[in-house]
Amino acid sequence: MRKNIKKYRKLAGFTQQELADMIGVSMHYISQIESAKPYKYFTLIIIGRIADALNIDIKDLFEKQKEKTVI
């Protein structure tokens, strides 16, 4: 999910700070959600706010990313 949040945020052209401002959290909080070691406690309410701010369906944030294969 963290990679999807970052992907859709970048596609929407938002910085972490802009997204944070839109949903009422700190930029550090967004950074933690997107990091490889995400913040342990974030709610579906926050995920819903992120999806709304990015104008996507919440299920898009839970899609599996295609693995890159190296030949």
PDB file of N, CA and C in Angstrom:
ATOM      1  N   MET A   1       0.816  -1.187   0.000  1.00  0.00           N
ATOM      2  CA  MET A   1       0.000   0.000   0.000  1.00  0.00           C
ATOM      3  C   MET A   1       0.869   1.265   0.000  1.00  0.00           C
ATOM      4  N   ARG A   2       1.963   1.263   0.732  1.00  0.00           N
ATOM      5  CA  ARG A   2       2.789   2.468   0.840  1.00  0.00           C
ATOM      6  C   ARG A   2       3.298   2.937  -0.525  1.00  0.00           C
ATOM      7  N   LYS A   3       3.667   1.972  -1.384  1.00  0.00           N
ATOM      8  CA  LYS A   3       4.159   2.340  -2.711  1.00  0.00           C
ATOM      9  C   LYS A   3       3.033   2.931  -3.554  1.00  0.00           C
ATOM     10  N   ASN A   4       1.828   2.420  -3.372  1.00  0.00           N
ATOM     11  CA  ASN A   4       0.685   2.954  -4.118  1.00  0.00           C
ATOM     12  C   ASN A   4       0.364   4.378  -3.693  1.00  0.00           C
ATOM     13  N   ILE A   5       0.443   4.657  -2.410  1.00  0.00           N
ATOM     14  CA  ILE A   5       0.185   6.017  -1.944  1.00  0.00           C
ATOM     15  C   ILE A   5       1.185   6.963  -2.590  1.00  0.00           C
ATOM     16  N   LYS A   6       2.443   6.591  -2.555  1.00  0.00           N
ATOM     17  CA  LYS A   6       3.488   7.430  -3.153  1.00  0.00           C
ATOM     18  C   LYS A   6       3.268   7.586  -4.664  1.00  0.00           C
ATOM     19  N   LYS A   7       2.951   6.472  -5.323  1.00  0.00           N
ATOM     20  CA  LYS A   7       2.738   6.502  -6.775  1.00  0.00           C
ATOM     21  C   LYS A   7       1.599   7.447  -7.144  1.00  0.00           C
ATOM     22  N   TYR A   8       0.450   7.278  -6.496  1.00  0.00           N
ATOM     23  CA  TYR A   8      -0.703   8.113  -6.830  1.00  0.00           C
ATOM     24  C   TYR A   8      -0.508   9.566  -6.406  1.00  0.00           C
ATOM     25  N   ARG A   9       0.223   9.784  -5.323  1.00  0.00           N
ATOM     26  CA  ARG A   9       0.529  11.160  -4.903  1.00  0.00           C
ATOM     27  C   ARG A   9       1.362  11.853  -5.972  1.00  0.00           C
ATOM     28  N   LYS A  10       2.374  11.158  -6.459  1.00  0.00           N
ATOM     29  CA  LYS A  10       3.239  11.742  -7.490  1.00  0.00           C
ATOM     30  C   LYS A  10       2.475  11.942  -8.803  1.00  0.00           C
ATOM     31  N   LEU A  11       1.616  10.975  -9.164  1.00  0.00           N
ATOM     32  CA  LEU A  11       0.810  11.124 -10.378  1.00  0.00           C
ATOM     33  C   LEU A  11      -0.107  12.337 -10.288  1.00  0.00           C
ATOM     34  N   ALA A  12      -0.588  12.624  -9.081  1.00  0.00           N
ATOM     35  CA  ALA A  12      -1.463  13.785  -8.876  1.00  0.00           C
ATOM     36  C   ALA A  12      -0.668  15.083  -8.819  1.00  0.00           C
ATOM     37  N   GLY A  13       0.655  14.967  -8.737  1.00  0.00           N
ATOM     38  CA  GLY A  13       1.509  16.141  -8.714  1.00  0.00           C
ATOM     39  C   GLY A  13       1.609  16.818  -7.354  1.00  0.00           C
ATOM     40  N   PHE A  14       1.368  16.058  -6.286  1.00  0.00           N
ATOM     41  CA  PHE A  14       1.431  16.620  -4.942  1.00  0.00           C
ATOM     42  C   PHE A  14       2.731  16.246  -4.250  1.00  0.00           C
ATOM     43  N   THR A  15       3.225  17.173  -3.444  1.00  0.00           N
ATOM     44  CA  THR A  15       4.326  16.856  -2.549  1.00  0.00           C
ATOM     45  C   THR A  15       3.744  16.204  -1.311  1.00  0.00           C
ATOM     46  N   GLN A  16       4.603  15.642  -0.494  1.00  0.00           N
ATOM     47  CA  GLN A  16       4.129  15.078   0.768  1.00  0.00           C
ATOM     48  C   GLN A  16       3.471  16.167   1.618  1.00  0.00           C
ATOM     49  N   GLN A  17       4.052  17.361   1.612  1.00  0.00           N
ATOM     50  CA  GLN A  17       3.497  18.461   2.399  1.00  0.00           C
ATOM     51  C   GLN A  17       2.111  18.861   1.906  1.00  0.00           C
ATOM     52  N   GLU A  18       1.945  18.930   0.602  1.00  0.00           N
ATOM     53  CA  GLU A  18       0.634  19.303   0.051  1.00  0.00           C
ATOM     54  C   GLU A  18      -0.433  18.268   0.411  1.00  0.00           C
ATOM     55  N   LEU A  19      -0.088  16.989   0.281  1.00  0.00           N
ATOM     56  CA  LEU A  19      -1.046  15.945   0.636  1.00  0.00           C
ATOM     57  C   LEU A  19      -1.362  16.006   2.130  1.00  0.00           C
ATOM     58  N   ALA A  20      -0.349  16.181   2.937  1.00  0.00           N
ATOM     59  CA  ALA A  20      -0.549  16.275   4.384  1.00  0.00           C
ATOM     60  C   ALA A  20      -1.492  17.428   4.730  1.00  0.00           C
ATOM     61  N   ASP A  21      -1.278  18.582   4.116  1.00  0.00           N
ATOM     62  CA  ASP A  21      -2.133  19.742   4.362  1.00  0.00           C
ATOM     63  C   ASP A  21      -3.580  19.461   3.957  1.00  0.00           C
ATOM     64  N   MET A  22      -3.751  18.738   2.861  1.00  0.00           N
ATOM     65  CA  MET A  22      -5.097  18.448   2.366  1.00  0.00           C
ATOM     66  C   MET A  22      -5.888  17.542   3.307  1.00  0.00           C
ATOM     67  N   ILE A  23      -5.192  16.641   3.997  1.00  0.00           N
ATOM     68  CA  ILE A  23      -5.916  15.685   4.835  1.00  0.00           C
ATOM     69  C   ILE A  23      -5.770  15.971   6.329  1.00  0.00           C
ATOM     70  N   GLY A  24      -5.043  17.019   6.670  1.00  0.00           N
ATOM     71  CA  GLY A  24      -4.962  17.438   8.058  1.00  0.00           C
ATOM     72  C   GLY A  24      -4.010  16.647   8.936  1.00  0.00           C
ATOM     73  N   VAL A  25      -2.889  16.223   8.346  1.00  0.00           N
ATOM     74  CA  VAL A  25      -1.853  15.538   9.119  1.00  0.00           C
ATOM     75  C   VAL A  25      -0.522  16.209   8.817  1.00  0.00           C
ATOM     76  N   SER A  26       0.527  15.796   9.513  1.00  0.00           N
ATOM     77  CA  SER A  26       1.845  16.377   9.261  1.00  0.00           C
ATOM     78  C   SER A  26       2.516  15.705   8.070  1.00  0.00           C
ATOM     79  N   MET A  27       3.484  16.411   7.480  1.00  0.00           N
ATOM     80  CA  MET A  27       4.252  15.845   6.388  1.00  0.00           C
ATOM     81  C   MET A  27       5.037  14.628   6.894  1.00  0.00           C
ATOM     82  N   HIS A  28       5.508  14.688   8.130  1.00  0.00           N
ATOM     83  CA  HIS A  28       6.232  13.564   8.718  1.00  0.00           C
ATOM     84  C   HIS A  28       5.348  12.312   8.744  1.00  0.00           C
ATOM     85  N   TYR A  29       4.078  12.485   9.028  1.00  0.00           N
ATOM     86  CA  TYR A  29       3.130  11.366   9.061  1.00  0.00           C
ATOM     87  C   TYR A  29       3.024  10.720   7.680  1.00  0.00           C
ATOM     88  N   ILE A  30       2.881  11.544   6.635  1.00  0.00           N
ATOM     89  CA  ILE A  30       2.820  11.021   5.259  1.00  0.00           C
ATOM     90  C   ILE A  30       4.134  10.317   4.923  1.00  0.00           C
ATOM     91  N   SER A  31       5.242  10.922   5.297  1.00  0.00           N
ATOM     92  CA  SER A  31       6.543  10.323   5.051  1.00  0.00           C
ATOM     93  C   SER A  31       6.653   8.958   5.708  1.00  0.00           C
ATOM     94  N   GLN A  32       6.160   8.839   6.933  1.00  0.00           N
ATOM     95  CA  GLN A  32       6.195   7.564   7.640  1.00  0.00           C
ATOM     96  C   GLN A  32       5.323   6.514   6.952  1.00  0.00           C
ATOM     97  N   ILE A  33       4.142   6.924   6.483  1.00  0.00           N
ATOM     98  CA  ILE A  33       3.256   5.983   5.789  1.00  0.00           C
ATOM     99  C   ILE A  33       3.916   5.460   4.517  1.00  0.00           C
ATOM    100  N   GLU A  34       4.599   6.344   3.798  1.00  0.00           N
ATOM    101  CA  GLU A  34       5.223   5.960   2.527  1.00  0.00           C
ATOM    102  C   GLU A  34       6.557   5.242   2.702  1.00  0.00           C
ATOM    103  N   SER A  35       7.133   5.284   3.875  1.00  0.00           N
ATOM    104  CA  SER A  35       8.481   4.741   4.068  1.00  0.00           C
ATOM    105  C   SER A  35       8.493   3.218   4.070  1.00  0.00           C
ATOM    106  N   ALA A  36       9.695   2.669   3.924  1.00  0.00           N
ATOM    107  CA  ALA A  36       9.862   1.216   3.939  1.00  0.00           C
ATOM    108  C   ALA A  36       9.506   0.639   5.310  1.00  0.00           C
ATOM    109  N   LYS A  37       9.661   1.435   6.344  1.00  0.00           N
ATOM    110  CA  LYS A  37       9.268   1.033   7.695  1.00  0.00           C
ATOM    111  C   LYS A  37       8.143   1.957   8.128  1.00  0.00           C
ATOM    112  N   PRO A  38       6.938   1.683   7.627  1.00  0.00           N
ATOM    113  CA  PRO A  38       5.840   2.619   7.875  1.00  0.00           C
ATOM    114  C   PRO A  38       5.443   2.714   9.335  1.00  0.00           C
ATOM    115  N   TYR A  39       4.878   3.857   9.663  1.00  0.00           N
ATOM    116  CA  TYR A  39       4.320   4.090  10.982  1.00  0.00           C
ATOM    117  C   TYR A  39       3.351   2.957  11.277  1.00  0.00           C
ATOM    118  N   LYS A  40       3.416   2.399  12.451  1.00  0.00           N
ATOM    119  CA  LYS A  40       2.612   1.221  12.767  1.00  0.00           C
ATOM    120  C   LYS A  40       1.122   1.515  12.853  1.00  0.00           C
ATOM    121  N   TYR A  41       0.758   2.713  13.233  1.00  0.00           N
ATOM    122  CA  TYR A  41      -0.637   2.985  13.525  1.00  0.00           C
ATOM    123  C   TYR A  41      -1.191   4.094  12.635  1.00  0.00           C
ATOM    124  N   PHE A  42      -1.866   3.709  11.600  1.00  0.00           N
ATOM    125  CA  PHE A  42      -2.655   4.666  10.833  1.00  0.00           C
ATOM    126  C   PHE A  42      -3.969   3.985  10.513  1.00  0.00           C
ATOM    127  N   THR A  43      -5.006   4.771  10.398  1.00  0.00           N
ATOM    128  CA  THR A  43      -6.353   4.211  10.315  1.00  0.00           C
ATOM    129  C   THR A  43      -6.897   4.212   8.897  1.00  0.00           C
ATOM    130  N   LEU A  44      -7.969   3.468   8.722  1.00  0.00           N
ATOM    131  CA  LEU A  44      -8.656   3.481   7.430  1.00  0.00           C
ATOM    132  C   LEU A  44      -9.243   4.858   7.155  1.00  0.00           C
ATOM    133  N   ILE A  45      -9.538   5.601   8.191  1.00  0.00           N
ATOM    134  CA  ILE A  45     -10.032   6.968   7.988  1.00  0.00           C
ATOM    135  C   ILE A  45      -8.972   7.795   7.274  1.00  0.00           C
ATOM    136  N   ILE A  46      -7.728   7.686   7.722  1.00  0.00           N
ATOM    137  CA  ILE A  46      -6.632   8.413   7.066  1.00  0.00           C
ATOM    138  C   ILE A  46      -6.440   7.911   5.643  1.00  0.00           C
ATOM    139  N   ILE A  47      -6.489   6.603   5.449  1.00  0.00           N
ATOM    140  CA  ILE A  47      -6.344   6.042   4.102  1.00  0.00           C
ATOM    141  C   ILE A  47      -7.485   6.541   3.214  1.00  0.00           C
ATOM    142  N   GLY A  48      -8.682   6.613   3.761  1.00  0.00           N
ATOM    143  CA  GLY A  48      -9.821   7.154   3.018  1.00  0.00           C
ATOM    144  C   GLY A  48      -9.623   8.605   2.641  1.00  0.00           C
ATOM    145  N   ARG A  49      -9.084   9.393   3.567  1.00  0.00           N
ATOM    146  CA  ARG A  49      -8.802  10.815   3.274  1.00  0.00           C
ATOM    147  C   ARG A  49      -7.759  10.945   2.175  1.00  0.00           C
ATOM    148  N   ILE A  50      -6.749  10.085   2.231  1.00  0.00           N
ATOM    149  CA  ILE A  50      -5.714  10.110   1.191  1.00  0.00           C
ATOM    150  C   ILE A  50      -6.340   9.790  -0.165  1.00  0.00           C
ATOM    151  N   ALA A  51      -7.154   8.747  -0.226  1.00  0.00           N
ATOM    152  CA  ALA A  51      -7.804   8.373  -1.487  1.00  0.00           C
ATOM    153  C   ALA A  51      -8.680   9.520  -1.997  1.00  0.00           C
ATOM    154  N   ASP A  52      -9.438  10.151  -1.115  1.00  0.00           N
ATOM    155  CA  ASP A  52     -10.279  11.283  -1.528  1.00  0.00           C
ATOM    156  C   ASP A  52      -9.432  12.431  -2.062  1.00  0.00           C
ATOM    157  N   ALA A  53      -8.343  12.760  -1.363  1.00  0.00           N
ATOM    158  CA  ALA A  53      -7.480  13.858  -1.778  1.00  0.00           C
ATOM    159  C   ALA A  53      -6.837  13.579  -3.132  1.00  0.00           C
ATOM    160  N   LEU A  54      -6.530  12.305  -3.386  1.00  0.00           N
ATOM    161  CA  LEU A  54      -5.901  11.921  -4.653  1.00  0.00           C
ATOM    162  C   LEU A  54      -6.925  11.619  -5.740  1.00  0.00           C
ATOM    163  N   ASN A  55      -8.212  11.708  -5.362  1.00  0.00           N
ATOM    164  CA  ASN A  55      -9.317  11.479  -6.300  1.00  0.00           C
ATOM    165  C   ASN A  55      -9.258  10.083  -6.921  1.00  0.00           C
ATOM    166  N   ILE A  56      -9.005   9.098  -6.056  1.00  0.00           N
ATOM    167  CA  ILE A  56      -8.977   7.705  -6.497  1.00  0.00           C
ATOM    168  C   ILE A  56      -9.858   6.881  -5.568  1.00  0.00           C
ATOM    169  N   ASP A  57     -10.173   5.669  -5.996  1.00  0.00           N
ATOM    170  CA  ASP A  57     -10.930   4.746  -5.164  1.00  0.00           C
ATOM    171  C   ASP A  57      -9.980   4.150  -4.126  1.00  0.00           C
ATOM    172  N   ILE A  58     -10.438   4.009  -2.905  1.00  0.00           N
ATOM    173  CA  ILE A  58      -9.577   3.492  -1.835  1.00  0.00           C
ATOM    174  C   ILE A  58      -8.993   2.127  -2.186  1.00  0.00           C
ATOM    175  N   LYS A  59      -9.722   1.324  -2.945  1.00  0.00           N
ATOM    176  CA  LYS A  59      -9.205  -0.007  -3.307  1.00  0.00           C
ATOM    177  C   LYS A  59      -7.943   0.080  -4.159  1.00  0.00           C
ATOM    178  N   ASP A  60      -7.765   1.195  -4.884  1.00  0.00           N
ATOM    179  CA  ASP A  60      -6.561   1.369  -5.688  1.00  0.00           C
ATOM    180  C   ASP A  60      -5.301   1.386  -4.820  1.00  0.00           C
ATOM    181  N   LEU A  61      -5.441   1.839  -3.585  1.00  0.00           N
ATOM    182  CA  LEU A  61      -4.289   1.901  -2.692  1.00  0.00           C
ATOM    183  C   LEU A  61      -3.865   0.517  -2.205  1.00  0.00           C
ATOM    184  N   PHE A  62      -4.762  -0.462  -2.336  1.00  0.00           N
ATOM    185  CA  PHE A  62      -4.469  -1.810  -1.870  1.00  0.00           C
ATOM    186  C   PHE A  62      -4.104  -2.768  -2.999  1.00  0.00           C
ATOM    187  N   GLU A  63      -4.024  -2.267  -4.243  1.00  0.00           N
ATOM    188  CA  GLU A  63      -3.650  -3.115  -5.376  1.00  0.00           C
ATOM    189  C   GLU A  63      -2.221  -3.611  -5.208  1.00  0.00           C
ATOM    190  N   LYS A  64      -2.001  -4.841  -5.625  1.00  0.00           N
ATOM    191  CA  LYS A  64      -0.640  -5.360  -5.617  1.00  0.00           C
ATOM    192  C   LYS A  64       0.127  -4.722  -6.768  1.00  0.00           C
ATOM    193  N   GLN A  65       1.353  -4.366  -6.480  1.00  0.00           N
ATOM    194  CA  GLN A  65       2.225  -3.818  -7.518  1.00  0.00           C
ATOM    195  C   GLN A  65       2.841  -4.965  -8.301  1.00  0.00           C
ATOM    196  N   LYS A  66       2.987  -4.775  -9.582  1.00  0.00           N
ATOM    197  CA  LYS A  66       3.631  -5.799 -10.406  1.00  0.00           C
ATOM    198  C   LYS A  66       5.119  -5.805 -10.070  1.00  0.00           C
ATOM    199  N   GLU A  67       5.624  -6.981  -9.858  1.00  0.00           N
ATOM    200  CA  GLU A  67       7.052  -7.143  -9.566  1.00  0.00           C
ATOM    201  C   GLU A  67       7.849  -6.973 -10.858  1.00  0.00           C
ATOM    202  N   LYS A  68       8.965  -6.288 -10.762  1.00  0.00           N
ATOM    203  CA  LYS A  68       9.851  -6.163 -11.903  1.00  0.00           C
ATOM    204  C   LYS A  68      10.729  -7.401 -11.944  1.00  0.00           C
ATOM    205  N   THR A  69      10.754  -8.033 -13.089  1.00  0.00           N
ATOM    206  CA  THR A  69      11.604  -9.221 -13.220  1.00  0.00           C
ATOM    207  C   THR A  69      12.872  -8.859 -13.990  1.00  0.00           C
ATOM    208  N   VAL A  70      13.954  -9.390 -13.508  1.00  0.00           N
ATOM    209  CA  VAL A  70      15.247  -9.152 -14.153  1.00  0.00           C
ATOM    210  C   VAL A  70      15.649 -10.436 -14.847  1.00  0.00           C
ATOM    211  N   ILE A  71      15.996 -10.286 -16.110  1.00  0.00           N
ATOM    212  CA  ILE A  71      16.372 -11.481 -16.899  1.00  0.00           C
ATOM    213  C   ILE A  71      17.867 -11.499 -17.088  1.00  0.00           C
TER     214      ILE A  71
END
